[in-house]
Structure formats: C-alpha cells, structure tokens
C-alpha cells in the first residue's frame, strides 16, 4: 500500500489541514495545532498505567462497548500528529486504535504513543500499547492513496505493554498514516508487525478514521 507520489498544483486543503490562519503555521519545524480541531479528534495523552487500567472494563464475552484509553487526560489542542479509528468496539468482535505525538519534520524525528485493542468472540480483549521510535521513516505532503491526494507518514513502533500472550513486549512494527485533503475524507492507518504480533496487523480506512498528519 505504498503511496503513489504526485504533486497536485493549486490543491487546496480543508480547514485544519492548511497553513493559513485557520490552520497551522509552518514557520517552525515542530508542527503546532489549533484547539478547534480537538472537538473532532478527541485525542488524548496516553499514560501507560491509565491505559492498562481500562482492561478490567468489559470484554469480548459480553460484547459491551469499551472506551479504551478514555481515562487518559485530554490534550489541550490537537497533537502535532494523531489519529483515531472511529467508535470503540461495541460488538462481539472488532478492533480499535488511537495515538498521538510530536514531530519535527526538519529533523526527521518523531515521538508518541499508540494503543490498539482486538476483540474476538469468547476470548479476553487483547490490548497493546506502543511507543514510537524517534527516527521518522518517511513523510510526504504529495502522496496519493485511495485515489486522492494527502499527507503520509511512516513510523516504527515498539510494543511497550501487552495483554496478548503471543505479542511480546519489545516487538517492533510499522505504522503508515495517511490523511487526505482537498475536502475528501479518505484517511487510513495500517499496522504491520512481526509474526509474533501478526494478529494486530490491521488496516483502518474510511470516513470513520480521523488522521492529523503534518504538514498541516
């Protein structure tokens, strides 16, 4: 799913993904964010202890909705990069993920934290918490995926905590985040892990996915 690179001259970006006064300044290498988009994102600061504390809330047997990471304090303004994959799991099976962090495009550096939960019938929910390695693999403002232009970034993650006995702490993976612009909503997140964590390889794509990928 590598993006096809292509420049779209004169392309315009929707509010919150622009460099105009309604969006974000590109003057500083470290991308900043405005507070208005926070209402749309609902992204939050991840404290590892708080994330794991929600594991006792519900499970796959009941099919009850679980707001994973909901007890984590909300960021004041959106993070420089971040995402969520839609509504929390409410049925007997499904998956959900969210994450955020800081980024410095000039230095090709990135940081942050992510969590993803899988639910399968008749088994406990499986949650992994990931930290982001600091080297930013790739980023572009001129990517094309799903037939639309947007911003893309690729990061390396490492499992920090896990309730999946097969997916051990320290396992590395790659995450690709794509945020469309020009008024089209076709964001996506792809997780790819080594064999031990292959059950957490997921692609999230569609209007329910909400990405913020710089430059804005």
N, C-alpha and C. Protein backbone atom coordinates (compact mmCIF):
# COMPACT_ATOMS: atom_id res chain seq x y z
N UNK A 1 0.82 -1.18 0.00
CA UNK A 1 0.00 0.00 0.00
C UNK A 1 0.87 1.25 0.00
N UNK A 2 2.02 1.24 -0.66
CA UNK A 2 2.86 2.41 -0.73
C UNK A 2 2.16 3.47 -1.55
N UNK A 3 2.20 4.74 -1.09
CA UNK A 3 1.51 5.78 -1.82
C UNK A 3 2.18 6.05 -3.15
N UNK A 4 1.36 6.44 -4.14
CA UNK A 4 1.89 6.93 -5.40
C UNK A 4 2.14 8.41 -5.24
N UNK A 5 3.39 8.84 -5.40
CA UNK A 5 3.72 10.22 -5.19
C UNK A 5 3.34 11.02 -6.41
N UNK A 6 2.73 12.17 -6.16
CA UNK A 6 2.36 13.03 -7.28
C UNK A 6 1.95 14.39 -6.78
N UNK A 7 2.52 15.46 -7.33
CA UNK A 7 2.21 16.81 -6.90
C UNK A 7 0.94 17.28 -7.59
N UNK A 8 0.05 17.87 -6.84
CA UNK A 8 -1.18 18.43 -7.37
C UNK A 8 -1.11 19.95 -7.28
N UNK A 9 -0.66 20.65 -8.33
CA UNK A 9 -0.53 22.10 -8.25
C UNK A 9 -1.86 22.76 -7.94
N UNK A 10 -1.81 23.75 -7.06
CA UNK A 10 -3.01 24.51 -6.76
C UNK A 10 -4.00 23.79 -5.88
N UNK A 11 -3.62 22.65 -5.32
CA UNK A 11 -4.56 21.92 -4.48
C UNK A 11 -4.83 22.69 -3.22
N UNK A 12 -6.07 22.59 -2.75
CA UNK A 12 -6.45 23.27 -1.52
C UNK A 12 -6.74 22.24 -0.46
N UNK A 13 -6.54 22.61 0.79
CA UNK A 13 -6.76 21.69 1.90
C UNK A 13 -7.90 22.19 2.76
N UNK A 14 -8.65 21.30 3.38
CA UNK A 14 -9.77 21.71 4.22
C UNK A 14 -9.27 22.35 5.49
N UNK A 15 -10.17 23.07 6.23
CA UNK A 15 -9.76 23.68 7.49
C UNK A 15 -9.14 22.66 8.42
N UNK A 16 -8.05 23.07 9.09
CA UNK A 16 -7.36 22.16 9.99
C UNK A 16 -6.24 21.41 9.32
N UNK A 17 -6.16 21.47 7.98
CA UNK A 17 -5.05 20.87 7.26
C UNK A 17 -4.48 21.88 6.29
N UNK A 18 -4.32 23.10 6.71
CA UNK A 18 -3.79 24.14 5.85
C UNK A 18 -2.77 24.94 6.62
N UNK A 19 -2.05 25.79 5.88
CA UNK A 19 -1.07 26.65 6.51
C UNK A 19 -1.59 28.07 6.65
N UNK A 20 -2.90 28.26 6.44
CA UNK A 20 -3.46 29.59 6.57
C UNK A 20 -3.79 29.87 8.02
N UNK A 21 -4.29 31.10 8.37
CA UNK A 21 -4.55 31.41 9.77
C UNK A 21 -5.56 30.49 10.42
N UNK A 22 -6.43 29.85 9.63
CA UNK A 22 -7.39 28.92 10.21
C UNK A 22 -6.82 27.56 10.45
N UNK A 23 -5.58 27.34 10.00
CA UNK A 23 -4.97 26.02 10.18
C UNK A 23 -3.76 26.11 11.07
N UNK A 24 -2.56 25.87 10.51
CA UNK A 24 -1.36 25.78 11.32
C UNK A 24 -0.20 26.44 10.62
N UNK A 25 0.66 27.09 11.38
CA UNK A 25 1.84 27.74 10.82
C UNK A 25 2.93 26.73 10.54
N UNK A 26 3.58 26.88 9.41
CA UNK A 26 4.70 26.01 9.06
C UNK A 26 6.03 26.69 9.31
N UNK A 27 6.01 27.84 9.99
CA UNK A 27 7.24 28.58 10.21
C UNK A 27 8.20 27.83 11.11
N UNK A 28 7.69 27.11 12.08
CA UNK A 28 8.53 26.35 13.00
C UNK A 28 8.63 24.91 12.52
N UNK A 29 9.81 24.27 12.61
CA UNK A 29 9.93 22.87 12.21
C UNK A 29 9.03 21.95 13.01
N UNK A 30 8.78 22.30 14.27
CA UNK A 30 7.88 21.50 15.08
C UNK A 30 6.47 21.97 14.84
N UNK A 31 5.63 21.09 14.29
CA UNK A 31 4.30 21.48 13.88
C UNK A 31 3.43 21.71 15.10
N UNK A 32 2.69 22.80 15.10
CA UNK A 32 1.76 23.12 16.18
C UNK A 32 0.34 22.85 15.71
N UNK A 33 -0.64 22.90 16.63
CA UNK A 33 -2.01 22.60 16.29
C UNK A 33 -2.96 23.55 16.97
N UNK A 34 -4.16 23.76 16.38
CA UNK A 34 -5.13 24.66 16.98
C UNK A 34 -6.17 23.88 17.75
N UNK A 35 -6.89 24.59 18.64
CA UNK A 35 -7.81 23.93 19.57
C UNK A 35 -9.11 23.53 18.91
N UNK A 36 -9.48 24.18 17.80
CA UNK A 36 -10.78 23.90 17.20
C UNK A 36 -10.89 22.46 16.74
N UNK A 37 -9.82 21.90 16.17
CA UNK A 37 -9.89 20.53 15.68
C UNK A 37 -10.02 19.52 16.80
N UNK A 38 -9.73 19.91 18.04
CA UNK A 38 -9.78 18.95 19.14
C UNK A 38 -11.16 18.37 19.31
N UNK A 39 -12.18 19.16 19.01
CA UNK A 39 -13.54 18.65 19.16
C UNK A 39 -13.79 17.49 18.21
N UNK A 40 -13.11 17.52 17.05
CA UNK A 40 -13.30 16.48 16.06
C UNK A 40 -12.48 15.25 16.39
N UNK A 41 -11.32 15.46 16.99
CA UNK A 41 -10.41 14.34 17.21
C UNK A 41 -10.72 13.57 18.48
N UNK A 42 -10.85 14.26 19.62
CA UNK A 42 -10.99 13.56 20.88
C UNK A 42 -9.76 12.77 21.23
N UNK A 43 -8.57 13.23 20.78
CA UNK A 43 -7.33 12.53 21.08
C UNK A 43 -6.85 12.89 22.46
N UNK A 44 -6.00 12.06 23.05
CA UNK A 44 -5.63 12.27 24.43
C UNK A 44 -4.21 11.86 24.71
N UNK A 45 -3.71 12.34 25.83
CA UNK A 45 -2.38 11.97 26.29
C UNK A 45 -2.44 10.59 26.89
N UNK A 46 -1.54 9.71 26.49
CA UNK A 46 -1.56 8.32 26.96
C UNK A 46 -0.57 8.13 28.09
N UNK A 47 -1.07 7.90 29.30
CA UNK A 47 -0.23 7.42 30.39
C UNK A 47 -0.38 5.92 30.44
N UNK A 48 0.72 5.19 30.45
CA UNK A 48 0.63 3.74 30.31
C UNK A 48 -0.19 3.10 31.41
N UNK A 49 -0.04 3.59 32.63
CA UNK A 49 -0.81 3.00 33.71
C UNK A 49 -2.30 3.18 33.51
N UNK A 50 -2.70 4.37 33.03
CA UNK A 50 -4.11 4.63 32.80
C UNK A 50 -4.67 3.77 31.69
N UNK A 51 -3.86 3.56 30.64
CA UNK A 51 -4.32 2.73 29.54
C UNK A 51 -4.62 1.32 30.02
N UNK A 52 -3.68 0.75 30.76
CA UNK A 52 -3.86 -0.63 31.20
C UNK A 52 -4.96 -0.75 32.25
N UNK A 53 -5.28 0.34 32.93
CA UNK A 53 -6.32 0.28 33.95
C UNK A 53 -7.68 0.00 33.37
N UNK A 54 -7.89 0.30 32.07
CA UNK A 54 -9.21 0.08 31.49
C UNK A 54 -9.44 -1.38 31.11
N UNK A 55 -8.45 -2.23 31.26
CA UNK A 55 -8.61 -3.60 30.80
C UNK A 55 -9.66 -4.36 31.57
N UNK A 56 -9.96 -3.92 32.78
CA UNK A 56 -10.99 -4.59 33.54
C UNK A 56 -12.39 -4.18 33.16
N UNK A 57 -12.53 -3.25 32.21
CA UNK A 57 -13.83 -2.73 31.84
C UNK A 57 -14.40 -3.54 30.68
N UNK A 58 -15.31 -4.41 30.93
CA UNK A 58 -15.97 -5.14 29.86
C UNK A 58 -15.06 -6.18 29.24
N UNK A 59 -15.53 -6.79 28.14
CA UNK A 59 -14.73 -7.79 27.45
C UNK A 59 -15.50 -8.37 26.31
N UNK A 60 -14.87 -9.30 25.61
CA UNK A 60 -15.49 -9.83 24.41
C UNK A 60 -16.70 -10.70 24.72
N UNK A 61 -16.71 -11.32 25.88
CA UNK A 61 -17.82 -12.22 26.18
C UNK A 61 -19.15 -11.48 26.23
N UNK A 62 -19.14 -10.27 26.78
CA UNK A 62 -20.39 -9.52 26.90
C UNK A 62 -20.70 -8.73 25.65
N UNK A 63 -19.69 -8.44 24.83
CA UNK A 63 -19.92 -7.60 23.67
C UNK A 63 -20.20 -6.16 24.05
N UNK A 64 -19.89 -5.77 25.28
CA UNK A 64 -20.19 -4.42 25.75
C UNK A 64 -19.20 -3.43 25.17
N UNK A 65 -19.64 -2.19 24.90
CA UNK A 65 -18.69 -1.19 24.40
C UNK A 65 -17.66 -0.85 25.46
N UNK A 66 -16.42 -0.70 25.05
CA UNK A 66 -15.33 -0.35 25.96
C UNK A 66 -14.62 0.86 25.37
N UNK A 67 -14.55 1.94 26.11
CA UNK A 67 -13.86 3.14 25.64
C UNK A 67 -12.40 3.05 26.07
N UNK A 68 -11.61 2.30 25.31
CA UNK A 68 -10.21 2.15 25.65
C UNK A 68 -9.51 3.49 25.58
N UNK A 69 -8.65 3.74 26.56
CA UNK A 69 -7.89 4.98 26.68
C UNK A 69 -8.76 6.16 27.11
N UNK A 70 -10.01 5.92 27.49
CA UNK A 70 -10.91 7.02 27.82
C UNK A 70 -10.53 7.72 29.12
N UNK A 71 -9.82 7.04 30.01
CA UNK A 71 -9.45 7.66 31.28
C UNK A 71 -8.18 8.52 31.16
N UNK A 72 -7.62 8.60 29.99
CA UNK A 72 -6.40 9.38 29.77
C UNK A 72 -6.77 10.85 29.61
N UNK A 73 -6.05 11.77 30.23
CA UNK A 73 -6.38 13.20 30.12
C UNK A 73 -6.38 13.67 28.67
N UNK A 74 -7.27 14.61 28.37
CA UNK A 74 -7.40 15.14 27.03
C UNK A 74 -6.32 16.20 26.78
N UNK A 75 -5.73 16.17 25.59
CA UNK A 75 -4.76 17.17 25.19
C UNK A 75 -5.45 18.52 25.03
N UNK A 76 -4.79 19.59 25.46
CA UNK A 76 -5.30 20.94 25.22
C UNK A 76 -4.88 21.37 23.83
N UNK A 77 -5.77 21.25 22.87
CA UNK A 77 -5.43 21.42 21.47
C UNK A 77 -4.99 20.09 20.90
N UNK A 78 -5.12 19.95 19.59
CA UNK A 78 -4.77 18.66 18.99
C UNK A 78 -3.26 18.47 18.97
N UNK A 79 -2.80 17.24 18.94
CA UNK A 79 -1.37 16.99 18.89
C UNK A 79 -0.83 17.28 17.50
N UNK A 80 0.49 17.47 17.36
CA UNK A 80 1.08 17.69 16.04
C UNK A 80 0.78 16.55 15.05
N UNK A 81 0.74 15.30 15.53
CA UNK A 81 0.20 14.22 14.73
C UNK A 81 -0.67 13.36 15.63
N UNK A 82 -1.68 12.75 15.05
CA UNK A 82 -2.56 11.92 15.86
C UNK A 82 -3.67 11.31 15.02
N UNK A 83 -4.35 10.34 15.61
CA UNK A 83 -5.42 9.66 14.88
C UNK A 83 -6.33 8.93 15.86
N UNK A 84 -7.52 8.62 15.39
CA UNK A 84 -8.33 7.56 15.99
C UNK A 84 -9.08 6.87 14.87
N UNK A 85 -9.52 5.64 15.12
CA UNK A 85 -10.08 4.82 14.05
C UNK A 85 -11.59 4.73 14.10
N UNK A 86 -12.23 5.63 14.84
CA UNK A 86 -13.68 5.65 14.87
C UNK A 86 -14.22 5.33 16.25
N UNK A 87 -15.39 4.72 16.28
CA UNK A 87 -16.05 4.41 17.55
C UNK A 87 -15.39 3.21 18.21
N UNK A 88 -15.42 3.16 19.55
CA UNK A 88 -14.91 1.98 20.26
C UNK A 88 -15.68 0.72 19.87
N UNK A 89 -15.09 -0.42 20.16
CA UNK A 89 -15.73 -1.71 19.84
C UNK A 89 -17.02 -1.85 20.64
N UNK A 90 -18.09 -2.23 19.96
CA UNK A 90 -19.37 -2.40 20.64
C UNK A 90 -19.97 -3.79 20.44
N UNK A 91 -19.41 -4.59 19.56
CA UNK A 91 -19.94 -5.92 19.30
C UNK A 91 -19.07 -7.02 19.87
N UNK A 92 -19.30 -8.23 19.40
CA UNK A 92 -18.57 -9.39 19.90
C UNK A 92 -17.17 -9.49 19.32
N UNK A 93 -16.89 -8.73 18.26
CA UNK A 93 -15.56 -8.74 17.67
C UNK A 93 -15.28 -7.38 17.04
N UNK A 94 -14.02 -7.12 16.81
CA UNK A 94 -13.63 -5.86 16.19
C UNK A 94 -12.28 -5.40 16.67
N UNK A 95 -11.87 -4.23 16.22
CA UNK A 95 -10.61 -3.65 16.65
C UNK A 95 -10.75 -2.13 16.68
N UNK A 96 -9.88 -1.51 17.44
CA UNK A 96 -9.92 -0.06 17.63
C UNK A 96 -8.50 0.41 17.96
N UNK A 97 -8.15 1.60 17.49
CA UNK A 97 -6.81 2.13 17.77
C UNK A 97 -6.86 3.65 17.86
N UNK A 98 -5.92 4.19 18.57
CA UNK A 98 -5.73 5.64 18.63
C UNK A 98 -4.29 5.93 18.99
N UNK A 99 -3.82 7.14 18.72
CA UNK A 99 -2.46 7.51 19.04
C UNK A 99 -2.21 8.97 18.76
N UNK A 100 -1.09 9.47 19.25
CA UNK A 100 -0.71 10.86 19.02
C UNK A 100 0.75 11.06 19.41
N UNK A 101 1.29 12.21 19.06
CA UNK A 101 2.66 12.51 19.46
C UNK A 101 3.16 13.82 18.90
N UNK A 102 4.46 14.01 19.00
CA UNK A 102 5.15 15.20 18.48
C UNK A 102 5.97 14.81 17.26
N UNK A 103 6.30 15.81 16.45
CA UNK A 103 7.06 15.54 15.24
C UNK A 103 7.87 16.77 14.87
N UNK A 104 9.04 16.55 14.32
CA UNK A 104 9.88 17.62 13.80
C UNK A 104 10.30 17.20 12.38
N UNK A 105 9.63 17.77 11.39
CA UNK A 105 9.88 17.36 10.01
C UNK A 105 11.30 17.72 9.56
N UNK A 106 11.80 18.87 10.02
CA UNK A 106 13.14 19.29 9.60
C UNK A 106 14.21 18.32 10.09
N UNK A 107 13.99 17.74 11.26
CA UNK A 107 14.96 16.82 11.84
C UNK A 107 14.63 15.35 11.57
N UNK A 108 13.52 15.10 10.88
CA UNK A 108 13.06 13.72 10.66
C UNK A 108 12.95 12.96 11.96
N UNK A 109 12.41 13.62 12.98
CA UNK A 109 12.26 12.97 14.28
C UNK A 109 10.79 12.97 14.67
N UNK A 110 10.42 11.97 15.45
CA UNK A 110 9.03 11.80 15.85
C UNK A 110 9.00 11.11 17.20
N UNK A 111 7.94 11.31 17.95
CA UNK A 111 7.73 10.60 19.21
C UNK A 111 6.24 10.43 19.40
N UNK A 112 5.87 9.60 20.35
CA UNK A 112 4.44 9.43 20.61
C UNK A 112 4.11 8.09 21.20
N UNK A 113 2.83 7.83 21.29
CA UNK A 113 2.33 6.60 21.88
C UNK A 113 1.02 6.22 21.20
N UNK A 114 0.77 4.92 21.07
CA UNK A 114 -0.42 4.40 20.42
C UNK A 114 -0.97 3.24 21.25
N UNK A 115 -2.24 2.99 21.09
CA UNK A 115 -2.81 1.77 21.66
C UNK A 115 -3.77 1.17 20.64
N UNK A 116 -3.85 -0.15 20.65
CA UNK A 116 -4.76 -0.87 19.78
C UNK A 116 -5.34 -2.05 20.55
N UNK A 117 -6.62 -2.29 20.36
CA UNK A 117 -7.28 -3.40 21.04
C UNK A 117 -7.98 -4.27 20.00
N UNK A 118 -7.88 -5.58 20.18
CA UNK A 118 -8.58 -6.56 19.35
C UNK A 118 -9.57 -7.31 20.21
N UNK A 119 -10.73 -7.55 19.65
CA UNK A 119 -11.74 -8.37 20.33
C UNK A 119 -12.14 -9.51 19.40
N UNK A 120 -12.06 -10.73 19.91
CA UNK A 120 -12.54 -11.90 19.19
C UNK A 120 -13.53 -12.62 20.08
N UNK A 121 -14.48 -13.34 19.52
CA UNK A 121 -15.51 -13.99 20.34
C UNK A 121 -14.93 -14.96 21.35
N UNK A 122 -15.49 -14.93 22.55
CA UNK A 122 -15.19 -15.91 23.60
C UNK A 122 -13.75 -15.86 24.09
N UNK A 123 -13.09 -14.73 23.91
CA UNK A 123 -11.74 -14.55 24.44
C UNK A 123 -11.61 -13.16 25.06
N UNK A 124 -10.70 -13.00 26.01
CA UNK A 124 -10.48 -11.66 26.57
C UNK A 124 -9.97 -10.69 25.50
N UNK A 125 -10.34 -9.45 25.65
CA UNK A 125 -9.81 -8.43 24.74
C UNK A 125 -8.30 -8.36 24.86
N UNK A 126 -7.64 -8.09 23.73
CA UNK A 126 -6.19 -8.05 23.67
C UNK A 126 -5.74 -6.64 23.34
N UNK A 127 -5.06 -6.02 24.28
CA UNK A 127 -4.62 -4.63 24.13
C UNK A 127 -3.11 -4.57 24.06
N UNK A 128 -2.60 -3.78 23.11
CA UNK A 128 -1.17 -3.50 23.07
C UNK A 128 -0.97 -1.98 23.11
N UNK A 129 0.02 -1.55 23.85
CA UNK A 129 0.42 -0.16 23.93
C UNK A 129 1.79 -0.04 23.28
N UNK A 130 1.96 0.92 22.40
CA UNK A 130 3.20 1.05 21.62
C UNK A 130 3.81 2.42 21.80
N UNK A 131 5.12 2.47 21.89
CA UNK A 131 5.83 3.73 21.82
C UNK A 131 6.42 3.88 20.43
N UNK A 132 6.77 5.11 20.08
CA UNK A 132 7.27 5.42 18.74
C UNK A 132 8.78 5.62 18.78
N UNK A 133 9.51 4.92 17.91
CA UNK A 133 10.94 5.17 17.80
C UNK A 133 11.17 6.51 17.12
N UNK A 134 12.27 7.16 17.48
CA UNK A 134 12.40 8.58 17.16
C UNK A 134 12.69 8.89 15.70
N UNK A 135 13.21 7.93 14.95
CA UNK A 135 13.51 8.22 13.54
C UNK A 135 12.23 8.14 12.71
N UNK A 136 11.91 9.22 12.02
CA UNK A 136 10.76 9.25 11.12
C UNK A 136 11.17 8.61 9.79
N UNK A 137 10.58 7.47 9.46
CA UNK A 137 10.99 6.73 8.27
C UNK A 137 10.73 7.53 7.00
N UNK A 138 9.53 8.09 6.90
CA UNK A 138 9.14 8.75 5.65
C UNK A 138 7.98 9.70 5.92
N UNK A 139 7.97 10.81 5.19
CA UNK A 139 6.80 11.69 5.21
C UNK A 139 6.72 12.43 3.89
N UNK A 140 5.50 12.76 3.47
CA UNK A 140 5.31 13.50 2.22
C UNK A 140 4.00 14.26 2.29
N UNK A 141 4.01 15.45 1.70
CA UNK A 141 2.80 16.24 1.54
C UNK A 141 2.15 15.99 0.18
N UNK A 142 2.78 15.17 -0.64
CA UNK A 142 2.32 14.98 -2.01
C UNK A 142 2.03 13.50 -2.30
N UNK A 143 1.50 12.79 -1.34
CA UNK A 143 1.17 11.38 -1.53
C UNK A 143 -0.22 11.24 -2.15
N UNK A 144 -0.44 10.13 -2.82
CA UNK A 144 -1.76 9.78 -3.33
C UNK A 144 -2.07 8.36 -2.90
N UNK A 145 -3.15 8.19 -2.15
CA UNK A 145 -3.63 6.87 -1.75
C UNK A 145 -5.15 6.87 -1.89
N UNK A 146 -5.67 5.70 -2.19
CA UNK A 146 -7.12 5.56 -2.36
C UNK A 146 -7.65 6.50 -3.44
N UNK A 147 -6.76 6.89 -4.35
CA UNK A 147 -7.16 7.74 -5.46
C UNK A 147 -7.28 9.21 -5.13
N UNK A 148 -6.82 9.61 -3.93
CA UNK A 148 -6.94 11.02 -3.53
C UNK A 148 -5.60 11.49 -2.97
N UNK A 149 -5.31 12.80 -3.04
CA UNK A 149 -4.06 13.33 -2.50
C UNK A 149 -4.14 13.52 -1.00
N UNK A 150 -2.97 13.53 -0.36
CA UNK A 150 -2.94 13.76 1.08
C UNK A 150 -1.52 13.73 1.62
N UNK A 151 -1.43 13.80 2.94
CA UNK A 151 -0.15 13.71 3.66
C UNK A 151 0.03 12.28 4.16
N UNK A 152 1.27 11.81 4.15
CA UNK A 152 1.55 10.46 4.65
C UNK A 152 2.78 10.50 5.54
N UNK A 153 2.80 9.68 6.56
CA UNK A 153 3.98 9.49 7.38
C UNK A 153 4.08 8.02 7.78
N UNK A 154 5.33 7.54 7.90
CA UNK A 154 5.57 6.15 8.29
C UNK A 154 6.47 6.15 9.51
N UNK A 155 6.08 5.40 10.53
CA UNK A 155 6.82 5.37 11.78
C UNK A 155 7.08 3.93 12.22
N UNK A 156 8.09 3.78 13.07
CA UNK A 156 8.38 2.49 13.70
C UNK A 156 7.86 2.53 15.13
N UNK A 157 7.16 1.49 15.52
CA UNK A 157 6.64 1.40 16.88
C UNK A 157 7.21 0.16 17.56
N UNK A 158 7.18 0.19 18.88
CA UNK A 158 7.64 -0.94 19.69
C UNK A 158 6.62 -1.20 20.78
N UNK A 159 6.24 -2.47 20.94
CA UNK A 159 5.24 -2.83 21.95
C UNK A 159 5.80 -2.56 23.34
N UNK A 160 5.12 -1.71 24.08
CA UNK A 160 5.55 -1.34 25.43
C UNK A 160 4.86 -2.20 26.49
N UNK A 161 3.57 -2.43 26.30
CA UNK A 161 2.80 -3.29 27.20
C UNK A 161 1.81 -4.09 26.37
N UNK A 162 1.50 -5.29 26.82
CA UNK A 162 0.63 -6.16 26.03
C UNK A 162 -0.14 -7.11 26.94
N UNK A 163 -1.43 -7.29 26.62
CA UNK A 163 -2.21 -8.33 27.29
C UNK A 163 -2.41 -9.54 26.37
N UNK A 164 -1.76 -9.51 25.20
CA UNK A 164 -1.79 -10.63 24.27
C UNK A 164 -0.55 -11.49 24.54
N UNK A 165 -0.71 -12.71 25.01
CA UNK A 165 0.46 -13.54 25.36
C UNK A 165 1.36 -13.84 24.16
N UNK A 166 0.82 -13.77 22.95
CA UNK A 166 1.64 -14.03 21.77
C UNK A 166 2.44 -12.80 21.33
N UNK A 167 1.95 -11.63 21.67
CA UNK A 167 2.58 -10.38 21.22
C UNK A 167 3.40 -9.82 22.37
N UNK A 168 4.67 -10.11 22.37
CA UNK A 168 5.54 -9.81 23.50
C UNK A 168 5.99 -8.35 23.50
N UNK A 169 6.29 -7.86 24.69
CA UNK A 169 6.90 -6.55 24.84
C UNK A 169 8.20 -6.48 24.05
N UNK A 170 8.43 -5.37 23.41
CA UNK A 170 9.65 -5.18 22.63
C UNK A 170 9.50 -5.48 21.15
N UNK A 171 8.39 -6.13 20.75
CA UNK A 171 8.18 -6.43 19.34
C UNK A 171 8.03 -5.14 18.54
N UNK A 172 8.68 -5.08 17.40
CA UNK A 172 8.63 -3.88 16.57
C UNK A 172 7.59 -4.03 15.46
N UNK A 173 7.10 -2.89 15.02
CA UNK A 173 6.17 -2.86 13.91
C UNK A 173 6.26 -1.54 13.17
N UNK A 174 5.54 -1.44 12.08
CA UNK A 174 5.49 -0.23 11.29
C UNK A 174 4.04 0.24 11.19
N UNK A 175 3.87 1.54 11.22
CA UNK A 175 2.54 2.14 11.09
C UNK A 175 2.61 3.21 10.01
N UNK A 176 1.67 3.14 9.06
CA UNK A 176 1.56 4.14 8.00
C UNK A 176 0.27 4.92 8.20
N UNK A 177 0.38 6.24 8.27
CA UNK A 177 -0.76 7.12 8.47
C UNK A 177 -0.94 7.99 7.24
N UNK A 178 -2.13 8.00 6.69
CA UNK A 178 -2.45 8.83 5.54
C UNK A 178 -3.64 9.71 5.87
N UNK A 179 -3.50 11.01 5.61
CA UNK A 179 -4.57 11.98 5.84
C UNK A 179 -4.88 12.68 4.53
N UNK A 180 -6.06 12.47 4.00
CA UNK A 180 -6.45 13.09 2.73
C UNK A 180 -6.77 14.56 2.94
N UNK A 181 -6.72 15.32 1.84
CA UNK A 181 -7.16 16.71 1.91
C UNK A 181 -7.99 17.04 0.68
N UNK A 182 -8.11 18.32 0.32
CA UNK A 182 -8.99 18.77 -0.77
C UNK A 182 -10.46 18.47 -0.48
N UNK A 183 -10.82 18.46 0.80
CA UNK A 183 -12.22 18.27 1.17
C UNK A 183 -12.71 16.84 1.09
N UNK A 184 -11.79 15.89 0.81
CA UNK A 184 -12.16 14.47 0.73
C UNK A 184 -11.79 13.79 2.03
N UNK A 185 -12.67 12.93 2.55
CA UNK A 185 -12.39 12.20 3.78
C UNK A 185 -12.11 10.74 3.44
N UNK A 186 -10.81 10.40 3.30
CA UNK A 186 -10.42 9.03 2.99
C UNK A 186 -9.13 8.71 3.72
N UNK A 187 -9.11 8.94 5.04
CA UNK A 187 -7.93 8.70 5.86
C UNK A 187 -7.74 7.20 6.08
N UNK A 188 -6.50 6.82 6.40
CA UNK A 188 -6.23 5.41 6.68
C UNK A 188 -5.06 5.26 7.64
N UNK A 189 -5.07 4.13 8.35
CA UNK A 189 -3.99 3.70 9.24
C UNK A 189 -3.71 2.23 8.94
N UNK A 190 -2.45 1.89 8.76
CA UNK A 190 -2.09 0.48 8.57
C UNK A 190 -1.03 0.09 9.59
N UNK A 191 -1.29 -1.00 10.33
CA UNK A 191 -0.35 -1.57 11.29
C UNK A 191 0.25 -2.83 10.68
N UNK A 192 1.57 -2.96 10.74
CA UNK A 192 2.27 -4.17 10.29
C UNK A 192 3.28 -4.57 11.36
N UNK A 193 3.18 -5.80 11.84
CA UNK A 193 4.05 -6.29 12.90
C UNK A 193 4.77 -7.56 12.45
N UNK A 194 5.80 -7.92 13.23
CA UNK A 194 6.47 -9.20 13.04
C UNK A 194 5.49 -10.34 13.36
N UNK A 195 5.90 -11.56 13.04
CA UNK A 195 5.00 -12.71 13.11
C UNK A 195 4.34 -12.88 14.47
N UNK A 196 5.07 -12.62 15.55
CA UNK A 196 4.51 -12.83 16.89
C UNK A 196 3.29 -11.96 17.15
N UNK A 197 3.21 -10.81 16.50
CA UNK A 197 2.10 -9.88 16.72
C UNK A 197 1.23 -9.74 15.47
N UNK A 198 1.26 -10.74 14.60
CA UNK A 198 0.56 -10.62 13.32
C UNK A 198 -0.95 -10.44 13.49
N UNK A 199 -1.51 -10.89 14.60
CA UNK A 199 -2.94 -10.72 14.82
C UNK A 199 -3.32 -9.25 14.98
N UNK A 200 -2.33 -8.40 15.17
CA UNK A 200 -2.58 -6.97 15.33
C UNK A 200 -2.29 -6.20 14.04
N UNK A 201 -2.07 -6.92 12.94
CA UNK A 201 -1.93 -6.28 11.64
C UNK A 201 -3.32 -5.87 11.14
N UNK A 202 -3.57 -4.58 11.10
CA UNK A 202 -4.89 -4.11 10.69
C UNK A 202 -4.75 -2.92 9.76
N UNK A 203 -5.72 -2.81 8.87
CA UNK A 203 -5.90 -1.63 8.03
C UNK A 203 -7.23 -0.98 8.41
N UNK A 204 -7.17 0.27 8.78
CA UNK A 204 -8.37 1.06 9.03
C UNK A 204 -8.48 2.11 7.93
N UNK A 205 -9.61 2.16 7.26
CA UNK A 205 -9.77 3.11 6.16
C UNK A 205 -11.25 3.49 6.04
N UNK A 206 -11.49 4.76 5.79
CA UNK A 206 -12.85 5.20 5.57
C UNK A 206 -13.17 6.47 6.33
N UNK A 207 -14.41 6.95 6.21
CA UNK A 207 -14.77 8.23 6.83
C UNK A 207 -14.76 8.20 8.35
N UNK A 208 -14.78 7.01 8.95
CA UNK A 208 -14.74 6.92 10.41
C UNK A 208 -13.34 7.14 10.96
N UNK A 209 -12.31 7.01 10.11
CA UNK A 209 -10.93 7.20 10.53
C UNK A 209 -10.59 8.69 10.48
N UNK A 210 -9.92 9.17 11.50
CA UNK A 210 -9.60 10.59 11.59
C UNK A 210 -8.11 10.76 11.87
N UNK A 211 -7.40 11.29 10.89
CA UNK A 211 -5.96 11.45 10.98
C UNK A 211 -5.57 12.92 10.98
N UNK A 212 -4.49 13.23 11.67
CA UNK A 212 -3.84 14.52 11.56
C UNK A 212 -2.38 14.23 11.26
N UNK A 213 -1.97 14.51 10.02
CA UNK A 213 -0.61 14.22 9.57
C UNK A 213 -0.01 15.51 9.01
N UNK A 214 1.11 15.98 9.56
CA UNK A 214 1.72 17.20 9.04
C UNK A 214 2.42 16.96 7.70
N UNK A 215 2.71 18.05 6.95
CA UNK A 215 2.44 19.45 7.28
C UNK A 215 0.97 19.79 7.15
N UNK A 216 0.50 20.68 8.02
CA UNK A 216 -0.93 20.99 8.07
C UNK A 216 -1.26 22.18 7.21
